[in-house]
PDB file of N, CA and C in Angstrom:
ATOM      1  N   MET A   1      84.346  89.212 108.905  1.00  0.00           N
ATOM      2  CA  MET A   1      85.742  89.581 108.889  1.00  0.00           C
ATOM      3  C   MET A   1      86.477  88.893 107.731  1.00  0.00           C
ATOM      4  N   PHE A   2      86.262  87.567 107.618  1.00  0.00           N
ATOM      5  CA  PHE A   2      86.932  86.847 106.528  1.00  0.00           C
ATOM      6  C   PHE A   2      86.341  87.199 105.173  1.00  0.00           C
ATOM      7  N   SER A   3      85.040  87.453 105.132  1.00  0.00           N
ATOM      8  CA  SER A   3      84.428  87.792 103.845  1.00  0.00           C
ATOM      9  C   SER A   3      84.986  89.115 103.312  1.00  0.00           C
ATOM     10  N   ASN A   4      85.243  90.062 104.196  1.00  0.00           N
ATOM     11  CA  ASN A   4      85.831  91.332 103.806  1.00  0.00           C
ATOM     12  C   ASN A   4      87.259  91.119 103.286  1.00  0.00           C
ATOM     13  N   PHE A   5      88.009  90.248 103.954  1.00  0.00           N
ATOM     14  CA  PHE A   5      89.376  89.919 103.522  1.00  0.00           C
ATOM     15  C   PHE A   5      89.365  89.287 102.129  1.00  0.00           C
ATOM     16  N   PHE A   6      88.445  88.334 101.898  1.00  0.00           N
ATOM     17  CA  PHE A   6      88.370  87.667 100.604  1.00  0.00           C
ATOM     18  C   PHE A   6      87.941  88.619  99.494  1.00  0.00           C
ATOM     19  N   LYS A   7      87.056  89.557  99.799  1.00  0.00           N
ATOM     20  CA  LYS A   7      86.620  90.526  98.789  1.00  0.00           C
ATOM     21  C   LYS A   7      87.777  91.420  98.352  1.00  0.00           C
ATOM     22  N   LYS A   8      88.574  91.867  99.328  1.00  0.00           N
ATOM     23  CA  LYS A   8      89.675  92.792  99.010  1.00  0.00           C
ATOM     24  C   LYS A   8      90.860  92.089  98.338  1.00  0.00           C
ATOM     25  N   ASN A   9      91.052  90.809  98.630  1.00  0.00           N
ATOM     26  CA  ASN A   9      92.231  90.098  98.133  1.00  0.00           C
ATOM     27  C   ASN A   9      91.900  88.941  97.200  1.00  0.00           C
ATOM     28  N   SER A  10      90.752  88.975  96.558  1.00  0.00           N
ATOM     29  CA  SER A  10      90.329  87.848  95.729  1.00  0.00           C
ATOM     30  C   SER A  10      91.277  87.610  94.547  1.00  0.00           C
ATOM     31  N   SER A  11      91.728  88.664  93.902  1.00  0.00           N
ATOM     32  CA  SER A  11      92.617  88.471  92.747  1.00  0.00           C
ATOM     33  C   SER A  11      93.980  87.923  93.191  1.00  0.00           C
ATOM     34  N   THR A  12      94.490  88.392  94.319  1.00  0.00           N
ATOM     35  CA  THR A  12      95.763  87.896  94.834  1.00  0.00           C
ATOM     36  C   THR A  12      95.644  86.432  95.225  1.00  0.00           C
ATOM     37  N   LEU A  13      94.556  86.080  95.897  1.00  0.00           N
ATOM     38  CA  LEU A  13      94.348  84.687  96.292  1.00  0.00           C
ATOM     39  C   LEU A  13      94.180  83.787  95.072  1.00  0.00           C
ATOM     40  N   LEU A  14      93.539  84.292  94.031  1.00  0.00           N
ATOM     41  CA  LEU A  14      93.378  83.523  92.798  1.00  0.00           C
ATOM     42  C   LEU A  14      94.735  83.276  92.131  1.00  0.00           C
ATOM     43  N   ILE A  15      95.588  84.268  92.095  1.00  0.00           N
ATOM     44  CA  ILE A  15      96.922  84.116  91.501  1.00  0.00           C
ATOM     45  C   ILE A  15      97.758  83.138  92.319  1.00  0.00           C
ATOM     46  N   VAL A  16      97.720  83.238  93.636  1.00  0.00           N
ATOM     47  CA  VAL A  16      98.464  82.316  94.492  1.00  0.00           C
ATOM     48  C   VAL A  16      97.956  80.888  94.297  1.00  0.00           C
ATOM     49  N   GLY A  17      96.645  80.708  94.222  1.00  0.00           N
ATOM     50  CA  GLY A  17      96.067  79.383  93.993  1.00  0.00           C
ATOM     51  C   GLY A  17      96.479  78.805  92.652  1.00  0.00           C
ATOM     52  N   ALA A  18      96.492  79.637  91.612  1.00  0.00           N
ATOM     53  CA  ALA A  18      96.907  79.180  90.284  1.00  0.00           C
ATOM     54  C   ALA A  18      98.380  78.786  90.277  1.00  0.00           C
ATOM     55  N   LEU A  19      99.218  79.552  90.961  1.00  0.00           N
ATOM     56  CA  LEU A  19     100.645  79.212  91.031  1.00  0.00           C
ATOM     57  C   LEU A  19     100.871  77.909  91.794  1.00  0.00           C
ATOM     58  N   LEU A  20     100.140  77.703  92.869  1.00  0.00           N
ATOM     59  CA  LEU A  20     100.244  76.440  93.608  1.00  0.00           C
ATOM     60  C   LEU A  20      99.800  75.256  92.757  1.00  0.00           C
ATOM     61  N   PHE A  21      98.746  75.447  91.987  1.00  0.00           N
ATOM     62  CA  PHE A  21      98.276  74.390  91.092  1.00  0.00           C
ATOM     63  C   PHE A  21      99.321  74.080  90.026  1.00  0.00           C
ATOM     64  N   LEU A  22      99.912  75.091  89.420  1.00  0.00           N
ATOM     65  CA  LEU A  22     100.950  74.882  88.405  1.00  0.00           C
ATOM     66  C   LEU A  22     102.175  74.188  89.002  1.00  0.00           C
ATOM     67  N   PHE A  23     102.541  74.569  90.208  1.00  0.00           N
ATOM     68  CA  PHE A  23     103.656  73.916  90.885  1.00  0.00           C
ATOM     69  C   PHE A  23     103.367  72.433  91.101  1.00  0.00           C
ATOM     70  N   ALA A  24     102.144  72.107  91.515  1.00  0.00           N
ATOM     71  CA  ALA A  24     101.766  70.699  91.729  1.00  0.00           C
ATOM     72  C   ALA A  24     101.796  69.917  90.422  1.00  0.00           C
ATOM     73  N   VAL A  25     101.342  70.517  89.336  1.00  0.00           N
ATOM     74  CA  VAL A  25     101.361  69.848  88.032  1.00  0.00           C
ATOM     75  C   VAL A  25     102.796  69.599  87.571  1.00  0.00           C
ATOM     76  N   VAL A  26     103.667  70.572  87.726  1.00  0.00           N
ATOM     77  CA  VAL A  26     105.069  70.412  87.332  1.00  0.00           C
ATOM     78  C   VAL A  26     105.739  69.323  88.154  1.00  0.00           C
ATOM     79  N   ARG A  27     105.472  69.283  89.438  1.00  0.00           N
ATOM     80  CA  ARG A  27     106.045  68.223  90.288  1.00  0.00           C
ATOM     81  C   ARG A  27     105.517  66.858  89.894  1.00  0.00           C
ATOM     82  N   TRP A  28     104.238  66.771  89.521  1.00  0.00           N
ATOM     83  CA  TRP A  28     103.648  65.495  89.136  1.00  0.00           C
ATOM     84  C   TRP A  28     104.314  64.952  87.869  1.00  0.00           C
ATOM     85  N   PHE A  29     104.506  65.788  86.867  1.00  0.00           N
ATOM     86  CA  PHE A  29     105.103  65.334  85.617  1.00  0.00           C
ATOM     87  C   PHE A  29     106.607  65.169  85.718  1.00  0.00           C
ATOM     88  N   GLY A  30     107.241  65.816  86.680  1.00  0.00           N
ATOM     89  CA  GLY A  30     108.681  65.720  86.838  1.00  0.00           C
ATOM     90  C   GLY A  30     109.133  64.668  87.829  1.00  0.00           C
ATOM     91  N   ARG A  31     108.201  63.884  88.354  1.00  0.00           N
ATOM     92  CA  ARG A  31     108.572  62.914  89.390  1.00  0.00           C
ATOM     93  C   ARG A  31     109.368  61.756  88.781  1.00  0.00           C
ATOM     94  N   ASP A  32     110.108  61.095  89.635  1.00  0.00           N
ATOM     95  CA  ASP A  32     110.953  59.987  89.219  1.00  0.00           C
ATOM     96  C   ASP A  32     110.231  58.675  89.518  1.00  0.00           C
ATOM     97  N   ASP A  33     109.979  57.886  88.487  1.00  0.00           N
ATOM     98  CA  ASP A  33     109.266  56.625  88.631  1.00  0.00           C
ATOM     99  C   ASP A  33     110.202  55.440  88.801  1.00  0.00           C
ATOM    100  N   THR A  34     111.464  55.672  89.077  1.00  0.00           N
ATOM    101  CA  THR A  34     112.439  54.586  89.138  1.00  0.00           C
ATOM    102  C   THR A  34     112.070  53.556  90.196  1.00  0.00           C
ATOM    103  N   ALA A  35     111.657  53.981  91.378  1.00  0.00           N
ATOM    104  CA  ALA A  35     111.308  53.027  92.437  1.00  0.00           C
ATOM    105  C   ALA A  35     110.118  52.170  92.036  1.00  0.00           C
ATOM    106  N   ILE A  36     109.143  52.750  91.367  1.00  0.00           N
ATOM    107  CA  ILE A  36     107.972  52.004  90.920  1.00  0.00           C
ATOM    108  C   ILE A  36     108.362  51.008  89.831  1.00  0.00           C
ATOM    109  N   LEU A  37     109.159  51.449  88.865  1.00  0.00           N
ATOM    110  CA  LEU A  37     109.587  50.568  87.782  1.00  0.00           C
ATOM    111  C   LEU A  37     110.489  49.449  88.281  1.00  0.00           C
ATOM    112  N   LEU A  38     111.237  49.697  89.336  1.00  0.00           N
ATOM    113  CA  LEU A  38     112.105  48.676  89.915  1.00  0.00           C
ATOM    114  C   LEU A  38     111.291  47.527  90.498  1.00  0.00           C
ATOM    115  N   ASP A  39     110.121  47.833  91.021  1.00  0.00           N
ATOM    116  CA  ASP A  39     109.252  46.795  91.574  1.00  0.00           C
ATOM    117  C   ASP A  39     108.533  45.985  90.497  1.00  0.00           C
ATOM    118  N   HIS A  40     108.429  46.536  89.281  1.00  0.00           N
ATOM    119  CA  HIS A  40     107.705  45.872  88.199  1.00  0.00           C
ATOM    120  C   HIS A  40     108.573  45.830  86.935  1.00  0.00           C
ATOM    121  N   PRO A  41     109.617  44.998  86.937  1.00  0.00           N
ATOM    122  CA  PRO A  41     110.509  44.958  85.775  1.00  0.00           C
ATOM    123  C   PRO A  41     109.836  44.346  84.549  1.00  0.00           C
ATOM    124  N   GLN A  42     110.156  44.924  83.381  1.00  0.00           N
ATOM    125  CA  GLN A  42     109.646  44.427  82.105  1.00  0.00           C
ATOM    126  C   GLN A  42     110.789  44.408  81.110  1.00  0.00           C
ATOM    127  N   THR A  43     110.801  43.409  80.259  1.00  0.00           N
ATOM    128  CA  THR A  43     111.855  43.339  79.250  1.00  0.00           C
ATOM    129  C   THR A  43     111.792  44.588  78.371  1.00  0.00           C
ATOM    130  N   GLY A  44     112.957  45.039  77.976  1.00  0.00           N
ATOM    131  CA  GLY A  44     113.056  46.237  77.149  1.00  0.00           C
ATOM    132  C   GLY A  44     113.365  47.493  77.940  1.00  0.00           C
ATOM    133  N   GLN A  45     113.249  47.448  79.252  1.00  0.00           N
ATOM    134  CA  GLN A  45     113.594  48.611  80.058  1.00  0.00           C
ATOM    135  C   GLN A  45     115.102  48.819  80.034  1.00  0.00           C
ATOM    136  N   ILE A  46     115.510  50.069  80.142  1.00  0.00           N
ATOM    137  CA  ILE A  46     116.929  50.406  80.181  1.00  0.00           C
ATOM    138  C   ILE A  46     117.249  50.962  81.559  1.00  0.00           C
ATOM    139  N   TYR A  47     118.166  50.303  82.249  1.00  0.00           N
ATOM    140  CA  TYR A  47     118.590  50.700  83.580  1.00  0.00           C
ATOM    141  C   TYR A  47     119.888  51.492  83.436  1.00  0.00           C
ATOM    142  N   ILE A  48     119.985  52.623  84.130  1.00  0.00           N
ATOM    143  CA  ILE A  48     121.183  53.459  84.090  1.00  0.00           C
ATOM    144  C   ILE A  48     121.885  53.338  85.440  1.00  0.00           C
ATOM    145  N   PHE A  49     123.099  52.813  85.418  1.00  0.00           N
ATOM    146  CA  PHE A  49     123.919  52.673  86.614  1.00  0.00           C
ATOM    147  C   PHE A  49     124.965  53.779  86.633  1.00  0.00           C
ATOM    148  N   HIS A  50     125.333  54.221  87.842  1.00  0.00           N
ATOM    149  CA  HIS A  50     126.258  55.348  87.995  1.00  0.00           C
ATOM    150  C   HIS A  50     127.375  54.983  88.967  1.00  0.00           C
ATOM    151  N   GLU A  51     128.603  55.278  88.548  1.00  0.00           N
ATOM    152  CA  GLU A  51     129.744  55.142  89.451  1.00  0.00           C
ATOM    153  C   GLU A  51     130.892  55.979  88.909  1.00  0.00           C
ATOM    154  N   ASP A  52     131.526  56.718  89.788  1.00  0.00           N
ATOM    155  CA  ASP A  52     132.693  57.541  89.445  1.00  0.00           C
ATOM    156  C   ASP A  52     132.437  58.453  88.245  1.00  0.00           C
ATOM    157  N   ASN A  53     131.303  59.131  88.251  1.00  0.00           N
ATOM    158  CA  ASN A  53     130.958  60.090  87.205  1.00  0.00           C
ATOM    159  C   ASN A  53     130.784  59.453  85.828  1.00  0.00           C
ATOM    160  N   LEU A  54     130.570  58.149  85.776  1.00  0.00           N
ATOM    161  CA  LEU A  54     130.280  57.440  84.540  1.00  0.00           C
ATOM    162  C   LEU A  54     128.907  56.794  84.651  1.00  0.00           C
ATOM    163  N   TYR A  55     128.173  56.803  83.550  1.00  0.00           N
ATOM    164  CA  TYR A  55     126.831  56.242  83.512  1.00  0.00           C
ATOM    165  C   TYR A  55     126.811  55.095  82.507  1.00  0.00           C
ATOM    166  N   ALA A  56     126.355  53.932  82.974  1.00  0.00           N
ATOM    167  CA  ALA A  56     126.362  52.724  82.158  1.00  0.00           C
ATOM    168  C   ALA A  56     124.931  52.237  81.939  1.00  0.00           C
ATOM    169  N   PRO A  57     124.420  52.324  80.723  1.00  0.00           N
ATOM    170  CA  PRO A  57     123.094  51.783  80.428  1.00  0.00           C
ATOM    171  C   PRO A  57     123.146  50.266  80.272  1.00  0.00           C
ATOM    172  N   MET A  58     122.086  49.608  80.707  1.00  0.00           N
ATOM    173  CA  MET A  58     121.949  48.166  80.530  1.00  0.00           C
ATOM    174  C   MET A  58     120.509  47.877  80.128  1.00  0.00           C
ATOM    175  N   LEU A  59     120.338  46.998  79.150  1.00  0.00           N
ATOM    176  CA  LEU A  59     119.030  46.629  78.633  1.00  0.00           C
ATOM    177  C   LEU A  59     118.531  45.377  79.335  1.00  0.00           C
ATOM    178  N   LEU A  60     117.331  45.431  79.899  1.00  0.00           N
ATOM    179  CA  LEU A  60     116.744  44.267  80.558  1.00  0.00           C
ATOM    180  C   LEU A  60     116.280  43.296  79.473  1.00  0.00           C
ATOM    181  N   ASP A  61     116.970  42.161  79.397  1.00  0.00           N
ATOM    182  CA  ASP A  61     116.719  41.172  78.354  1.00  0.00           C
ATOM    183  C   ASP A  61     115.616  40.195  78.752  1.00  0.00           C
ATOM    184  N   SER A  62     115.674  39.713  79.990  1.00  0.00           N
ATOM    185  CA  SER A  62     114.648  38.786  80.469  1.00  0.00           C
ATOM    186  C   SER A  62     114.566  38.847  81.986  1.00  0.00           C
ATOM    187  N   VAL A  63     113.426  38.373  82.501  1.00  0.00           N
ATOM    188  CA  VAL A  63     113.152  38.421  83.929  1.00  0.00           C
ATOM    189  C   VAL A  63     112.915  37.000  84.428  1.00  0.00           C
ATOM    190  N   GLY A  64     113.687  36.599  85.445  1.00  0.00           N
ATOM    191  CA  GLY A  64     113.487  35.316  86.099  1.00  0.00           C
ATOM    192  C   GLY A  64     112.702  35.502  87.383  1.00  0.00           C
ATOM    193  N   THR A  65     112.600  34.456  88.171  1.00  0.00           N
ATOM    194  CA  THR A  65     111.850  34.550  89.424  1.00  0.00           C
ATOM    195  C   THR A  65     112.537  35.468  90.429  1.00  0.00           C
ATOM    196  N   SER A  66     113.851  35.361  90.545  1.00  0.00           N
ATOM    197  CA  SER A  66     114.575  36.215  91.485  1.00  0.00           C
ATOM    198  C   SER A  66     115.749  36.933  90.828  1.00  0.00           C
ATOM    199  N   GLN A  67     115.911  36.751  89.531  1.00  0.00           N
ATOM    200  CA  GLN A  67     117.043  37.346  88.826  1.00  0.00           C
ATOM    201  C   GLN A  67     116.574  38.116  87.598  1.00  0.00           C
ATOM    202  N   LEU A  68     117.364  39.130  87.257  1.00  0.00           N
ATOM    203  CA  LEU A  68     117.142  39.914  86.042  1.00  0.00           C
ATOM    204  C   LEU A  68     118.372  39.767  85.153  1.00  0.00           C
ATOM    205  N   PHE A  69     118.156  39.581  83.865  1.00  0.00           N
ATOM    206  CA  PHE A  69     119.234  39.353  82.914  1.00  0.00           C
ATOM    207  C   PHE A  69     119.356  40.568  81.998  1.00  0.00           C
ATOM    208  N   PHE A  70     120.562  41.147  81.960  1.00  0.00           N
ATOM    209  CA  PHE A  70     120.801  42.398  81.248  1.00  0.00           C
ATOM    210  C   PHE A  70     121.819  42.231  80.128  1.00  0.00           C
ATOM    211  N   ARG A  71     121.689  43.092  79.129  1.00  0.00           N
ATOM    212  CA  ARG A  71     122.696  43.249  78.077  1.00  0.00           C
ATOM    213  C   ARG A  71     123.431  44.565  78.335  1.00  0.00           C
ATOM    214  N   ASN A  72     124.754  44.522  78.286  1.00  0.00           N
ATOM    215  CA  ASN A  72     125.573  45.726  78.506  1.00  0.00           C
ATOM    216  C   ASN A  72     125.542  46.634  77.293  1.00  0.00           C
ATOM    217  N   TYR A  73     125.657  47.913  77.551  1.00  0.00           N
ATOM    218  CA  TYR A  73     125.829  48.892  76.484  1.00  0.00           C
ATOM    219  C   TYR A  73     127.312  48.967  76.171  1.00  0.00           C
ATOM    220  N   ILE A  74     127.669  49.099  74.935  1.00  0.00           N
ATOM    221  CA  ILE A  74     129.075  49.076  74.533  1.00  0.00           C
ATOM    222  C   ILE A  74     129.835  50.291  75.066  1.00  0.00           C
ATOM    223  N   PHE A  75     129.173  51.430  75.146  1.00  0.00           N
ATOM    224  CA  PHE A  75     129.830  52.668  75.549  1.00  0.00           C
ATOM    225  C   PHE A  75     129.343  53.124  76.923  1.00  0.00           C
ATOM    226  N   LEU A  76     130.125  53.989  77.558  1.00  0.00           N
ATOM    227  CA  LEU A  76     129.749  54.636  78.807  1.00  0.00           C
ATOM    228  C   LEU A  76     129.512  56.113  78.543  1.00  0.00           C
ATOM    229  N   PHE A  77     128.679  56.723  79.338  1.00  0.00           N
ATOM    230  CA  PHE A  77     128.424  58.151  79.234  1.00  0.00           C
ATOM    231  C   PHE A  77     129.083  58.845  80.419  1.00  0.00           C
ATOM    232  N   ALA A  78     129.687  59.992  80.174  1.00  0.00           N
ATOM    233  CA  ALA A  78     130.392  60.725  81.221  1.00  0.00           C
ATOM    234  C   ALA A  78     129.605  61.967  81.618  1.00  0.00           C
ATOM    235  N   ASP A  79     129.652  62.284  82.910  1.00  0.00           N
ATOM    236  CA  ASP A  79     129.193  63.548  83.489  1.00  0.00           C
ATOM    237  C   ASP A  79     127.687  63.743  83.608  1.00  0.00           C
ATOM    238  N   ALA A  80     126.845  63.011  82.891  1.00  0.00           N
ATOM    239  CA  ALA A  80     125.407  63.238  82.984  1.00  0.00           C
ATOM    240  C   ALA A  80     124.638  61.981  82.594  1.00  0.00           C
ATOM    241  N   VAL A  81     123.458  61.849  83.158  1.00  0.00           N
ATOM    242  CA  VAL A  81     122.584  60.732  82.794  1.00  0.00           C
ATOM    243  C   VAL A  81     122.184  60.915  81.332  1.00  0.00           C
ATOM    244  N   PRO A  82     122.395  59.910  80.496  1.00  0.00           N
ATOM    245  CA  PRO A  82     122.035  60.074  79.087  1.00  0.00           C
ATOM    246  C   PRO A  82     120.520  60.104  78.913  1.00  0.00           C
ATOM    247  N   ALA A  83     120.076  60.885  77.962  1.00  0.00           N
ATOM    248  CA  ALA A  83     118.657  60.891  77.613  1.00  0.00           C
ATOM    249  C   ALA A  83     118.334  59.584  76.901  1.00  0.00           C
ATOM    250  N   GLN A  84     117.098  59.190  76.955  1.00  0.00           N
ATOM    251  CA  GLN A  84     116.703  57.924  76.355  1.00  0.00           C
ATOM    252  C   GLN A  84     116.997  57.910  74.852  1.00  0.00           C
ATOM    253  N   GLU A  85     116.912  59.051  74.203  1.00  0.00           N
ATOM    254  CA  GLU A  85     117.161  59.137  72.765  1.00  0.00           C
ATOM    255  C   GLU A  85     118.640  58.922  72.420  1.00  0.00           C
ATOM    256  N   GLN A  86     119.529  59.144  73.380  1.00  0.00           N
ATOM    257  CA  GLN A  86     120.958  58.969  73.142  1.00  0.00           C
ATOM    258  C   GLN A  86     121.388  57.502  73.172  1.00  0.00           C
ATOM    259  N   ILE A  87     120.576  56.649  73.727  1.00  0.00           N
ATOM    260  CA  ILE A  87     120.923  55.241  73.864  1.00  0.00           C
ATOM    261  C   ILE A  87     120.375  54.493  72.653  1.00  0.00           C
ATOM    262  N   LEU A  88     121.275  54.018  71.816  1.00  0.00           N
ATOM    263  CA  LEU A  88     120.889  53.357  70.571  1.00  0.00           C
ATOM    264  C   LEU A  88     120.736  51.854  70.786  1.00  0.00           C
ATOM    265  N   ALA A  89     119.685  51.285  70.224  1.00  0.00           N
ATOM    266  CA  ALA A  89     119.397  49.864  70.405  1.00  0.00           C
ATOM    267  C   ALA A  89     120.480  48.973  69.789  1.00  0.00           C
ATOM    268  N   ASP A  90     121.149  49.445  68.754  1.00  0.00           N
ATOM    269  CA  ASP A  90     122.174  48.640  68.075  1.00  0.00           C
ATOM    270  C   ASP A  90     123.477  48.560  68.854  1.00  0.00           C
ATOM    271  N   GLU A  91     123.625  49.335  69.900  1.00  0.00           N
ATOM    272  CA  GLU A  91     124.883  49.424  70.629  1.00  0.00           C
ATOM    273  C   GLU A  91     124.954  48.531  71.877  1.00  0.00           C
ATOM    274  N   PHE A  92     124.023  47.624  72.038  1.00  0.00           N
ATOM    275  CA  PHE A  92     124.073  46.707  73.169  1.00  0.00           C
ATOM    276  C   PHE A  92     124.862  45.462  72.792  1.00  0.00           C
ATOM    277  N   ASP A  93     125.668  44.985  73.723  1.00  0.00           N
ATOM    278  CA  ASP A  93     126.524  43.817  73.512  1.00  0.00           C
ATOM    279  C   ASP A  93     125.680  42.550  73.659  1.00  0.00           C
ATOM    280  N   LEU A  94     125.493  41.830  72.564  1.00  0.00           N
ATOM    281  CA  LEU A  94     124.675  40.629  72.592  1.00  0.00           C
ATOM    282  C   LEU A  94     125.478  39.388  72.967  1.00  0.00           C
ATOM    283  N   GLN A  95     126.783  39.517  73.134  1.00  0.00           N
ATOM    284  CA  GLN A  95     127.631  38.382  73.475  1.00  0.00           C
ATOM    285  C   GLN A  95     127.751  38.172  74.984  1.00  0.00           C
ATOM    286  N   PHE A  96     127.444  39.188  75.756  1.00  0.00           N
ATOM    287  CA  PHE A  96     127.652  39.128  77.195  1.00  0.00           C
ATOM    288  C   PHE A  96     126.349  39.440  77.910  1.00  0.00           C
ATOM    289  N   MET A  97     126.045  38.713  78.962  1.00  0.00           N
ATOM    290  CA  MET A  97     124.842  38.959  79.742  1.00  0.00           C
ATOM    291  C   MET A  97     125.227  39.134  81.211  1.00  0.00           C
ATOM    292  N   ALA A  98     124.734  40.190  81.815  1.00  0.00           N
ATOM    293  CA  ALA A  98     124.936  40.433  83.243  1.00  0.00           C
ATOM    294  C   ALA A  98     123.689  39.967  83.987  1.00  0.00           C
ATOM    295  N   ILE A  99     123.888  39.313  85.119  1.00  0.00           N
ATOM    296  CA  ILE A  99     122.784  38.776  85.903  1.00  0.00           C
ATOM    297  C   ILE A  99     122.789  39.445  87.279  1.00  0.00           C
ATOM    298  N   TYR A 100     121.656  40.017  87.646  1.00  0.00           N
ATOM    299  CA  TYR A 100     121.505  40.673  88.944  1.00  0.00           C
ATOM    300  C   TYR A 100     120.347  40.039  89.696  1.00  0.00           C
ATOM    301  N   GLU A 101     120.523  39.878  90.987  1.00  0.00           N
ATOM    302  CA  GLU A 101     119.428  39.492  91.868  1.00  0.00           C
ATOM    303  C   GLU A 101     118.541  40.720  92.068  1.00  0.00           C
ATOM    304  N   LYS A 102     117.248  40.514  92.244  1.00  0.00           N
ATOM    305  CA  LYS A 102     116.330  41.638  92.458  1.00  0.00           C
ATOM    306  C   LYS A 102     116.689  42.415  93.720  1.00  0.00           C
ATOM    307  N   THR A 103     117.104  41.703  94.757  1.00  0.00           N
ATOM    308  CA  THR A 103     117.486  42.375  96.009  1.00  0.00           C
ATOM    309  C   THR A 103     118.728  43.235  95.821  1.00  0.00           C
ATOM    310  N   GLU A 104     119.637  42.788  94.958  1.00  0.00           N
ATOM    311  CA  GLU A 104     120.845  43.564  94.671  1.00  0.00           C
ATOM    312  C   GLU A 104     120.493  44.864  93.957  1.00  0.00           C
ATOM    313  N   LEU A 105     119.552  44.812  93.039  1.00  0.00           N
ATOM    314  CA  LEU A 105     119.138  46.026  92.337  1.00  0.00           C
ATOM    315  C   LEU A 105     118.476  47.018  93.290  1.00  0.00           C
ATOM    316  N   ILE A 106     117.699  46.517  94.221  1.00  0.00           N
ATOM    317  CA  ILE A 106     117.079  47.399  95.222  1.00  0.00           C
ATOM    318  C   ILE A 106     118.164  48.072  96.066  1.00  0.00           C
ATOM    319  N   ARG A 107     119.175  47.314  96.461  1.00  0.00           N
ATOM    320  CA  ARG A 107     120.278  47.869  97.244  1.00  0.00           C
ATOM    321  C   ARG A 107     121.032  48.929  96.431  1.00  0.00           C
ATOM    322  N   LEU A 108     121.289  48.652  95.155  1.00  0.00           N
ATOM    323  CA  LEU A 108     121.982  49.621  94.297  1.00  0.00           C
ATOM    324  C   LEU A 108     121.167  50.907  94.152  1.00  0.00           C
ATOM    325  N   TYR A 109     119.853  50.778  94.050  1.00  0.00           N
ATOM    326  CA  TYR A 109     119.002  51.963  93.952  1.00  0.00           C
ATOM    327  C   TYR A 109     119.053  52.775  95.246  1.00  0.00           C
ATOM    328  N   GLN A 110     118.993  52.107  96.375  1.00  0.00           N
ATOM    329  CA  GLN A 110     119.027  52.795  97.663  1.00  0.00           C
ATOM    330  C   GLN A 110     120.361  53.490  97.901  1.00  0.00           C
ATOM    331  N   GLU A 111     121.440  52.930  97.364  1.00  0.00           N
ATOM    332  CA  GLU A 111     122.761  53.543  97.517  1.00  0.00           C
ATOM    333  C   GLU A 111     123.048  54.598  96.453  1.00  0.00           C
ATOM    334  N   GLY A 112     122.148  54.791  95.506  1.00  0.00           N
ATOM    335  CA  GLY A 112     122.334  55.803  94.474  1.00  0.00           C
ATOM    336  C   GLY A 112     123.165  55.348  93.295  1.00  0.00           C
ATOM    337  N   LEU A 113     123.405  54.067  93.168  1.00  0.00           N
ATOM    338  CA  LEU A 113     124.183  53.553  92.038  1.00  0.00           C
ATOM    339  C   LEU A 113     123.304  53.188  90.849  1.00  0.00           C
ATOM    340  N   LEU A 114     122.032  52.960  91.077  1.00  0.00           N
ATOM    341  CA  LEU A 114     121.041  52.801  90.017  1.00  0.00           C
ATOM    342  C   LEU A 114     120.230  54.089  90.025  1.00  0.00           C
ATOM    343  N   VAL A 115     120.377  54.896  88.965  1.00  0.00           N
ATOM    344  CA  VAL A 115     119.831  56.242  89.023  1.00  0.00           C
ATOM    345  C   VAL A 115     118.575  56.463  88.168  1.00  0.00           C
ATOM    346  N   LYS A 116     118.352  55.621  87.183  1.00  0.00           N
ATOM    347  CA  LYS A 116     117.224  55.877  86.271  1.00  0.00           C
ATOM    348  C   LYS A 116     116.830  54.587  85.587  1.00  0.00           C
ATOM    349  N   ILE A 117     115.537  54.451  85.303  1.00  0.00           N
ATOM    350  CA  ILE A 117     115.026  53.354  84.484  1.00  0.00           C
ATOM    351  C   ILE A 117     114.147  53.968  83.395  1.00  0.00           C
ATOM    352  N   TYR A 118     114.477  53.649  82.148  1.00  0.00           N
ATOM    353  CA  TYR A 118     113.660  54.092  81.009  1.00  0.00           C
ATOM    354  C   TYR A 118     112.778  52.932  80.550  1.00  0.00           C
ATOM    355  N   THR A 119     111.550  53.231  80.214  1.00  0.00           N
ATOM    356  CA  THR A 119     110.647  52.224  79.682  1.00  0.00           C
ATOM    357  C   THR A 119     110.679  52.261  78.157  1.00  0.00           C
ATOM    358  N   PRO A 120     110.399  51.128  77.513  1.00  0.00           N
ATOM    359  CA  PRO A 120     110.443  51.115  76.031  1.00  0.00           C
ATOM    360  C   PRO A 120     109.348  51.954  75.414  1.00  0.00           C
TER     361      PRO A 120
END
């Protein structure tokens, strides 16, 4: 019974299988690695914070035992998460350093205020 079904519908089943495979590949490459990167901070990463429709990039300058030290970006981005290419290395404020506890960053991520982490 099943062999007859597979013979008659082999091309349809092949197309459905190929579409499912393509969907899985697109989901794999489109996934968000922010939670993984949050657990393994490295200097040079750019964290994107969001509040009131404004996006603020911050550069991870150094990592302590329980604290992360960031450099602020001089400008804010409105309405959309900036692409990594839009964030210029020369535009970080070297005079001011923001310090976050690791637990605070996890809380900000869970509340949706930390939306993206770019790797160097």
